[in-house]
Each structure stands twice: as C-alpha cells, then as structure tokens.
Protein backbone atom coordinates (compact mmCIF):
# COMPACT_ATOMS: atom_id res chain seq x y z
CA ASP A 1 7.84 -9.78 -1.47
CA ALA A 2 11.45 -9.49 -0.19
CA HIS A 3 12.62 -7.98 -3.50
CA MET A 4 14.97 -10.92 -4.03
CA ASP A 5 13.34 -12.25 -7.23
CA ILE A 6 15.81 -13.04 -10.00
CA ARG A 7 13.29 -12.71 -12.89
CA THR A 8 11.14 -9.79 -13.94
CA PRO A 9 7.77 -10.26 -12.24
CA THR A 10 4.66 -10.52 -14.37
CA HIS A 11 2.03 -7.83 -14.36
CA GLU A 12 -0.20 -10.00 -12.15
CA LEU A 13 2.58 -10.44 -9.56
CA THR A 14 3.36 -6.71 -9.55
CA ARG A 15 -0.26 -5.87 -9.09
CA ALA A 16 -0.74 -8.46 -6.38
CA HIS A 17 2.35 -7.12 -4.55
CA ALA A 18 0.97 -3.57 -4.69
CA VAL A 19 -2.33 -4.81 -3.24
CA LEU A 20 -0.52 -6.72 -0.45
CA ARG A 21 1.57 -3.70 0.50
CA ALA A 22 -1.51 -1.49 0.56
CA ARG A 23 -3.36 -3.97 2.80
CA ARG A 24 -0.42 -4.05 5.18
CA ARG A 25 -0.16 -0.27 5.26
CA ILE A 26 -3.88 0.23 5.94
CA PHE A 27 -3.84 -2.31 8.77
CA ALA A 28 -0.71 -0.85 10.30
CA ASN A 29 -2.36 2.57 10.68
CA LYS A 30 -5.30 3.81 12.63
CA PRO A 31 -8.79 2.73 11.46
CA ASP A 32 -9.61 6.18 10.11
CA TRP A 33 -6.23 6.73 8.33
CA ALA A 34 -7.12 5.05 5.01
CA LEU A 35 -10.15 7.28 4.34
CA SER A 36 -8.39 10.48 5.33
CA ARG A 37 -6.77 12.88 2.79
CA VAL A 38 -3.28 11.85 3.95
CA GLY A 39 -4.15 8.16 3.71
CA ILE A 40 -5.71 8.50 0.23
CA LEU A 41 -2.64 10.31 -1.09
CA ALA A 42 -0.30 7.76 0.40
CA LEU A 43 -2.26 4.82 -1.03
CA ARG A 44 -2.30 6.42 -4.41
CA GLY A 45 1.49 6.84 -4.33
CA ARG A 46 1.30 10.65 -4.16
CA GLU A 47 2.19 11.30 -0.54
CA GLY A 48 4.72 13.98 -1.47
CA GLN A 49 2.47 16.12 -3.62
CA GLY A 50 2.57 19.74 -2.71
CA GLY A 51 5.49 19.16 -0.43
CA ARG A 52 8.14 20.94 -2.44
CA ASP A 53 8.21 23.95 -0.15
CA GLU A 54 8.12 21.75 2.92
CA ALA A 55 11.01 19.58 1.81
CA SER A 56 13.22 22.55 1.05
CA ALA A 57 12.26 24.49 4.13
CA GLY A 58 14.82 22.72 6.34
CA ARG A 59 17.91 23.83 4.46
CA ALA A 60 16.75 26.52 2.01
CA GLY A 61 14.33 28.17 4.43
CA SER A 62 17.08 30.42 5.83
CA GLY A 63 18.12 31.46 2.35
CA PRO A 64 15.67 34.40 1.95
CA ASP A 65 16.49 35.68 5.45
CA ALA A 66 20.21 35.50 4.81
CA ALA A 67 19.72 37.20 1.46
CA THR A 68 17.69 40.02 3.06
CA ALA A 69 20.24 40.58 5.81
CA ALA A 70 23.06 40.56 3.29
CA VAL A 71 21.37 43.05 1.05
CA GLY A 72 20.76 45.35 4.05
CA ALA A 73 24.39 45.09 5.05
CA ASP A 74 25.44 45.82 1.47
CA GLU A 75 23.33 48.97 1.39
CA ASP A 76 24.70 50.15 4.74
CA ALA A 77 28.31 49.28 4.22
CA GLY A 78 28.50 49.56 0.47
CA ASP A 79 30.37 46.31 0.26
CA SER A 80 29.73 44.71 -3.12
CA GLY A 81 31.70 41.58 -2.24
CA LEU A 82 29.09 40.73 0.40
CA ALA A 83 26.31 40.72 -2.16
CA ASP A 84 28.33 38.33 -4.40
CA GLU A 85 28.86 36.03 -1.49
CA THR A 86 25.14 36.16 -0.74
CA GLU A 87 24.24 35.13 -4.29
CA GLN A 88 26.62 32.21 -4.00
CA THR A 89 25.04 31.19 -0.69
CA ASP A 90 21.58 31.35 -2.28
CA ALA A 91 22.69 29.21 -5.18
CA LEU A 92 24.32 26.65 -2.76
CA ALA A 93 21.21 26.53 -0.58
CA GLN A 94 19.03 25.86 -3.62
CA GLU A 95 21.29 23.07 -4.80
CA MET A 96 21.40 21.50 -1.35
CA ALA A 97 17.59 21.75 -1.14
CA GLU A 98 17.31 19.87 -4.47
CA ILE A 99 19.66 17.19 -3.14
CA ASP A 100 17.52 16.90 0.02
CA ALA A 101 14.44 16.50 -2.11
CA VAL A 102 15.98 13.76 -4.23
CA LEU A 103 17.17 11.90 -1.00
CA ALA A 104 13.73 12.19 0.49
CA ARG A 105 12.08 10.70 -2.59
CA SER A 106 14.67 7.94 -2.89
CA GLY A 107 14.13 7.01 0.83
CA ARG A 108 10.38 6.75 0.26
CA LEU A 109 10.88 4.74 -2.87
CA LEU A 110 13.22 2.32 -1.07
CA ALA A 111 10.58 2.00 1.64
CA GLY A 112 8.24 0.58 -0.98
CA GLU A 113 6.04 3.59 -1.79
CA LYS A 114 4.75 4.07 -5.30
CA PHE A 115 5.11 7.29 -7.27
CA ALA A 116 2.57 7.77 -9.99
CA PRO A 117 3.00 10.34 -12.80
CA ARG A 118 1.98 13.77 -11.57
CA ALA A 119 2.30 16.20 -14.41
CA ALA A 120 -0.60 14.68 -16.28
CA ASP A 121 -2.98 15.14 -13.40
CA SER A 122 -1.83 18.13 -11.38
CA PRO A 123 0.61 21.04 -11.74
CA ASP A 124 1.92 20.25 -8.33
CA VAL A 125 5.02 18.22 -7.93
CA ASP A 126 6.34 16.37 -4.90
CA ALA A 127 9.46 16.95 -2.89
CA ALA A 128 11.65 15.38 -5.57
CA GLY A 129 10.28 17.38 -8.42
CA GLN A 130 12.91 20.08 -8.33
CA GLY A 131 15.52 19.87 -10.97
CA ALA A 132 14.02 16.76 -12.59
CA ASN A 133 12.92 18.45 -15.84
CA THR A 134 13.48 15.39 -17.95
CA ARG A 135 11.40 13.16 -15.69
CA GLU A 136 8.59 15.75 -15.44
CA ALA A 137 8.44 15.95 -19.23
CA LEU A 138 8.00 12.22 -19.57
CA PRO A 139 4.43 11.95 -18.20
CA ASP A 140 3.42 14.87 -20.49
CA SER A 141 4.60 12.93 -23.56
CA LEU A 142 3.25 9.54 -22.51
CA GLY A 143 0.13 10.75 -20.68
CA PRO A 144 -2.34 10.41 -23.56
CA LEU A 145 -1.10 6.93 -24.24
CA ILE A 146 -1.57 5.49 -20.73
CA ARG A 147 -4.28 7.65 -19.20
CA ASP A 148 -7.28 9.84 -20.13
CA LEU A 149 -6.23 13.42 -19.43
CA ASP A 150 -9.85 14.45 -19.04
CA TRP A 151 -10.21 11.90 -16.15
CA ASP A 152 -10.12 14.16 -13.11
CA GLU A 153 -9.15 11.62 -10.46
CA ASP A 154 -9.02 14.23 -7.64
CA GLN A 155 -12.57 15.38 -8.33
CA ARG A 156 -13.89 11.84 -8.62
CA LEU A 157 -12.27 10.84 -5.38
CA ALA A 158 -13.79 13.88 -3.72
CA ASP A 159 -17.23 12.91 -5.03
CA TRP A 160 -16.76 9.39 -3.63
CA LEU A 161 -15.60 10.66 -0.27
CA ILE A 162 -18.74 12.84 -0.10
CA VAL A 163 -20.77 9.64 -0.41
CA VAL A 164 -18.73 8.02 2.37
CA ASP A 165 -19.17 11.07 4.63
CA ARG A 166 -22.87 10.98 4.05
CA LEU A 167 -22.97 7.30 4.99
CA ARG A 168 -21.18 8.17 8.22
CA GLY A 169 -23.92 10.55 9.13
CA GLU A 170 -26.76 8.08 8.47
CA ASN A 171 -27.80 5.48 10.95
CA MET A 172 -27.45 2.23 8.90
CA PRO A 173 -25.67 -1.08 9.41
CA ALA A 174 -21.97 -1.09 8.64
CA VAL A 175 -22.27 -3.80 5.99
CA LEU A 176 -25.00 -1.96 4.09
CA ALA A 177 -22.95 1.25 4.24
CA ALA A 178 -19.98 -0.60 2.87
CA ALA A 179 -22.06 -2.06 0.07
CA ILE A 180 -23.32 1.37 -0.87
CA ALA A 181 -19.74 2.74 -0.73
CA TRP A 182 -18.58 -0.05 -3.13
CA GLU A 183 -21.53 0.57 -5.43
CA ALA A 184 -20.59 4.29 -5.52
CA TRP A 185 -16.99 3.35 -6.26
CA GLN A 186 -18.10 1.21 -9.19
CA ASP A 187 -20.29 4.02 -10.51
CA ILE A 188 -17.84 6.90 -10.08
CA GLU A 189 -14.66 4.95 -10.95
CA PRO A 190 -12.29 7.49 -9.30
CA LEU A 191 -8.95 5.95 -10.35
CA GLN A 192 -7.97 4.82 -13.80
CA HIS A 193 -5.21 2.37 -12.95
CA GLN A 194 -5.90 1.55 -9.29
CA HIS A 195 -9.46 0.36 -9.35
CA TRP A 196 -8.46 -2.41 -6.95
CA LEU A 197 -8.01 0.17 -4.25
CA GLY A 198 -11.76 0.44 -3.85
CA THR A 199 -12.18 -2.93 -2.11
CA LEU A 200 -9.41 -2.03 0.37
CA LEU A 201 -11.07 1.35 1.15
CA VAL A 202 -14.40 -0.43 1.67
CA ALA A 203 -12.70 -2.86 4.01
CA ALA A 204 -11.17 0.14 5.84
CA LEU A 205 -14.69 1.58 6.17
CA LEU A 206 -15.86 -1.66 7.86
CA ARG A 207 -12.84 -1.50 10.17
CA GLN A 208 -13.56 2.15 10.96
CA ARG A 209 -17.18 1.38 11.79
CA GLY A 210 -15.97 -1.37 14.19
CA LYS A 211 -17.52 -4.24 12.27
CA VAL A 212 -14.20 -5.97 11.60
CA GLY A 213 -11.28 -5.20 13.88
CA SER A 214 -8.91 -8.09 13.68
CA HIS A 215 -8.16 -7.97 9.98
CA LEU A 216 -9.17 -6.27 6.68
CA PHE A 217 -12.22 -7.92 5.17
CA CYS A 218 -11.42 -9.45 1.75
CA LEU A 219 -14.38 -8.47 -0.39
CA ASN A 220 -12.86 -9.80 -3.60
CA ALA A 221 -13.09 -13.37 -2.23
CA GLY A 222 -16.84 -12.99 -2.34
CA LEU A 223 -17.17 -10.90 -5.47
CA ARG A 224 -15.55 -13.56 -7.55
CA MET A 225 -18.35 -15.97 -6.59
CA ILE A 226 -21.11 -13.66 -7.78
CA PRO A 227 -22.03 -13.77 -11.43
CA ARG A 228 -21.07 -10.74 -13.48
CA GLU A 229 -24.65 -10.38 -14.69
CA ARG A 230 -25.70 -9.59 -11.14
CA ARG A 231 -22.79 -7.38 -10.29
CA ARG A 232 -23.27 -5.30 -13.42
CA ALA A 233 -27.06 -5.33 -13.59
CA ARG A 234 -28.86 -2.15 -14.57
CA ASP A 235 -31.10 -2.23 -11.53
CA ARG A 236 -29.30 -0.69 -8.56
CA THR A 237 -31.18 -2.83 -6.06
CA THR A 238 -29.94 -5.97 -7.88
CA ARG A 239 -26.41 -4.70 -7.75
CA LEU A 240 -26.64 -3.91 -3.98
CA LEU A 241 -28.03 -7.33 -3.27
CA ALA A 242 -25.19 -8.86 -5.24
CA VAL A 243 -22.69 -6.96 -3.16
CA LEU A 244 -24.37 -8.03 0.07
CA ASP A 245 -24.26 -11.65 -1.17
CA ALA A 246 -20.56 -11.10 -1.91
CA PHE A 247 -20.02 -10.12 1.69
CA ALA A 248 -21.77 -13.29 2.83
CA GLU A 249 -19.73 -15.46 0.47
CA ALA A 250 -16.49 -13.85 1.54
CA ALA A 251 -17.33 -14.43 5.24
CA SER A 252 -18.27 -18.03 4.51
CA ALA A 253 -14.99 -18.59 2.63
CA GLY A 254 -13.07 -17.10 5.55
CA LEU A 255 -14.74 -19.48 7.99
CA LYS A 256 -14.03 -22.45 5.70
CA GLU A 257 -10.36 -21.44 5.55
CA LEU A 258 -10.24 -20.99 9.36
CA ASN A 259 -11.74 -24.46 9.84
CA ARG A 260 -9.23 -26.00 7.44
CA LEU A 261 -6.33 -24.44 9.33
CA VAL A 262 -7.71 -25.56 12.64
CA MET A 263 -7.92 -29.14 11.30
CA ALA A 264 -4.44 -28.90 9.88
CA LYS A 265 -3.14 -27.64 13.23
CA GLY A 266 -4.74 -30.58 15.02
CA GLN A 267 -3.15 -33.06 12.62
CA LEU A 268 0.30 -31.44 12.98
CA GLU A 269 0.11 -31.34 16.77
CA ARG A 270 -0.31 -35.07 16.85
CA ARG A 271 3.38 -35.26 15.89
CA LEU A 272 4.28 -33.42 19.07
CA ARG A 273 3.62 -36.46 21.26
CA HIS A 274 6.64 -37.75 23.15
CA ARG A 275 8.62 -34.65 22.14
CA ARG A 276 10.89 -32.77 24.56
CA LYS A 277 9.58 -29.54 25.97
CA ASN A 278 12.18 -27.35 24.26
CA SER A 279 11.43 -28.74 20.77
CA SER A 280 11.12 -26.24 17.95
CA LEU A 281 8.27 -28.13 16.25
CA PRO A 282 5.48 -26.17 18.04
CA ALA A 283 7.01 -22.87 16.89
CA LEU A 284 7.30 -24.30 13.35
CA ILE A 285 3.60 -25.26 13.38
CA GLU A 286 2.59 -21.74 14.41
CA LEU A 287 4.80 -20.26 11.64
CA MET A 288 3.24 -22.60 9.07
CA LEU A 289 -0.25 -21.46 10.13
CA ALA A 290 0.78 -17.82 9.98
CA ARG A 291 2.37 -17.88 6.56
CA PRO A 292 1.03 -19.28 3.28
CA VAL A 293 4.40 -20.69 2.31
CA VAL A 294 7.77 -20.83 4.10
CA SER A 295 11.29 -21.54 3.02
CA ALA A 296 14.22 -23.09 4.89
CA GLY A 297 15.82 -19.67 5.22
CA LEU A 298 12.69 -18.15 6.69
CA ILE A 299 12.27 -21.00 9.15
CA ALA A 300 15.88 -20.70 10.21
CA ALA A 301 15.54 -16.94 10.68
CA GLU A 302 12.26 -17.09 12.64
CA LEU A 303 13.23 -20.07 14.87
CA LYS A 304 16.90 -19.03 15.20
CA ILE A 305 18.19 -22.43 14.00
CA SER A 306 20.36 -23.58 11.14
CA GLN A 307 18.93 -24.33 7.71
CA ARG A 308 19.87 -27.91 8.11
CA ALA A 309 17.90 -28.16 11.31
CA ALA A 310 14.98 -26.37 9.58
CA LEU A 311 14.95 -29.00 6.82
CA ASP A 312 15.00 -31.75 9.46
CA LEU A 313 11.98 -30.17 11.27
CA VAL A 314 10.04 -29.95 7.96
CA ALA A 315 10.77 -33.58 7.22
CA GLU A 316 9.50 -34.55 10.69
CA LEU A 317 6.27 -32.66 10.28
CA GLY A 318 5.69 -34.04 6.72
CA ILE A 319 4.64 -30.73 5.27
CA ARG A 320 3.91 -30.55 1.57
CA GLU A 321 6.56 -29.09 -0.74
CA VAL A 322 4.80 -26.68 -3.21
CA THR A 323 7.49 -25.81 -5.82
CA GLY A 324 8.45 -29.25 -7.11
CA ARG A 325 12.13 -28.16 -7.37
CA GLY A 326 15.24 -29.50 -5.78
CA ARG A 327 16.57 -26.11 -4.83
CA TYR A 328 14.97 -22.92 -3.48
CA ARG A 329 12.11 -25.03 -2.18
CA ALA A 330 9.08 -23.83 -0.20
CA TRP A 331 6.46 -25.59 1.99
CA GLY A 332 2.84 -24.76 2.80
CA ILE A 333 -0.36 -26.19 4.25
CA MET A 334 -2.47 -26.77 1.16
C-alpha cells in the first residue's frame, strides 16, 4: 500500500490495492461524487479525457492571440522578421504545452490514479496525449487481445446510470434500490475489466441515500456467502432476494467483526492496570484496532517513539505476530 514492496505484486494484490484506493477515494469525497460523471471518470482512471484543450490553455492559450497580433503587425509594417519570430513563438508554445500535459499526467500517476487505454474506446485523449504517438498506437495494436472493441463501455454506463436515476425518483427503501442497482449492473455489465467497481458504486448509492454514513458498505462480504445458483438464477425475483440476503449477511458479518474487536479491546485494556497516565499503551491499542496489521516502523511513526520502544510495547501487549519471520515483522488482532 505504501509502494515499498520489493517483489512484483500478484494480480490479486494489484486488484485488491485498486479496490482499496477506490474505496478510500469514494469515502473521501461527497456522497454524490461517485455517481456523478466526474466521479465515474475518475474511478475508471479516465479523469483526463477530453482535457487536452484545457491542459494546454494555460500556456498555449495565448499562442493564437499572439499569432494574430503578429500577423496584423506584419501586414501593417511589412516586417517579415516578425512573422518568423511569431512562428517560432507558436512552436515553442506548443512544445511547452506538451511538456505541461506530460507533467500533469505524471503528477496524477504518482498520486495513484489509474490510466486505462483510451484509443480503443474513444477518439478523445487526455491531457498527456499530445506527442505520445507511440503510446497511443499501443492500445490500437493490443486492443483486440485484451478487450472487446464492440463493447461500448460509455453507453453501457449511461444505461446503468439511467436505472440509478430512475431509482432516485421512485419512493422505495434504500436497500431495495441498491439491490436493483446491483442487479442492473450484473445484467448490463458496463465495464470489461473493472466489474468490481459495481459493488463500490452500490455502496456509494447507499451512502448517498443516507442509509450508511459512517463507512462504505461491503457488499462482497455478503455475496460470497450466497450460493452462485441463487445469485445467477434465471428468475429475477430469486436474484433480487439473493442480493437482499447478501446485504443481511454482510451486515451480520460486520456486527460479528465489531463484537470481536470490542472483546479484543477489553482484553488488551486489562494490561493497562497500574500503568502510568502518560503510557503509550492506550494509543497503541487504538492503533491496533484501527489497522488490520501494524509494523514497528508504523507504530514508531504514529506514536512518535523509537522502533525499539515500539517493539517493547508490542511485547507488553502480547499481540500476535502474523508473518512468522524474524525481520520485517507485523502484528495484528486475529
């Protein structure tokens, strides 16, 4: 998650990391952001589409005006040297605009955004598309191998959003609306390689309707407990009932996890007896409950202590070590 791994991550890890980043991004924005056009493009990794003119407007926007003024001065004064200088200025402005576009894309890439191939889906390119002829040609050559070119993701997403908009206008419970939205996502299949985004958008719909405000509901935790025969049944009513049962199973699993953490907190707090008031153990307990696993470096950074002191605190709490290694260890409440 900190991009400090020393081995190439597996496909499962890469996908899980993408899901985690998307969940964080949805929760960090307003409840209606994920289901907006801007939010959908950002979550698909195409936030910069159609932004070529916008990215170059800052530096190259004055180019046409300067060119027009220079041509007028050339006609009035008859100075041919001014026209040559104008052409050089236009060329320089275009080059600088391309550099700005590349820097903008690089900044978004370093920030963790994902850029999917664009040429296979849309003639539009993003702000970094200028001057990248070799990279633009790559999706055209590999497109048929990794994606169905007849799969119109934009149109399918539009069809699914129409269903979501219709659900907003109807007076029905939020969970039922979310179940219908998930059923529509399964039926339409808008995205070829990001099908997992559907559960996050359904969770965002629940958050937008005010049903769940403190977190994003994890529908997958319940879907995995429902037999595939029910989830893929031919009868639509059976499928909807399966999704509703998945919501109930996910909520039940969340309550069980919450109870487990409450019990673990009670057991750990017993070790705080006869401790001084400025002890770092309470802060470590809260950190352990907030994170699935922690390392000595993370504990030291969060509690502002040395790594040696962090190891001593872990030993005092008796937390379970989860890696089984002697170095680069991690601890968690299992």
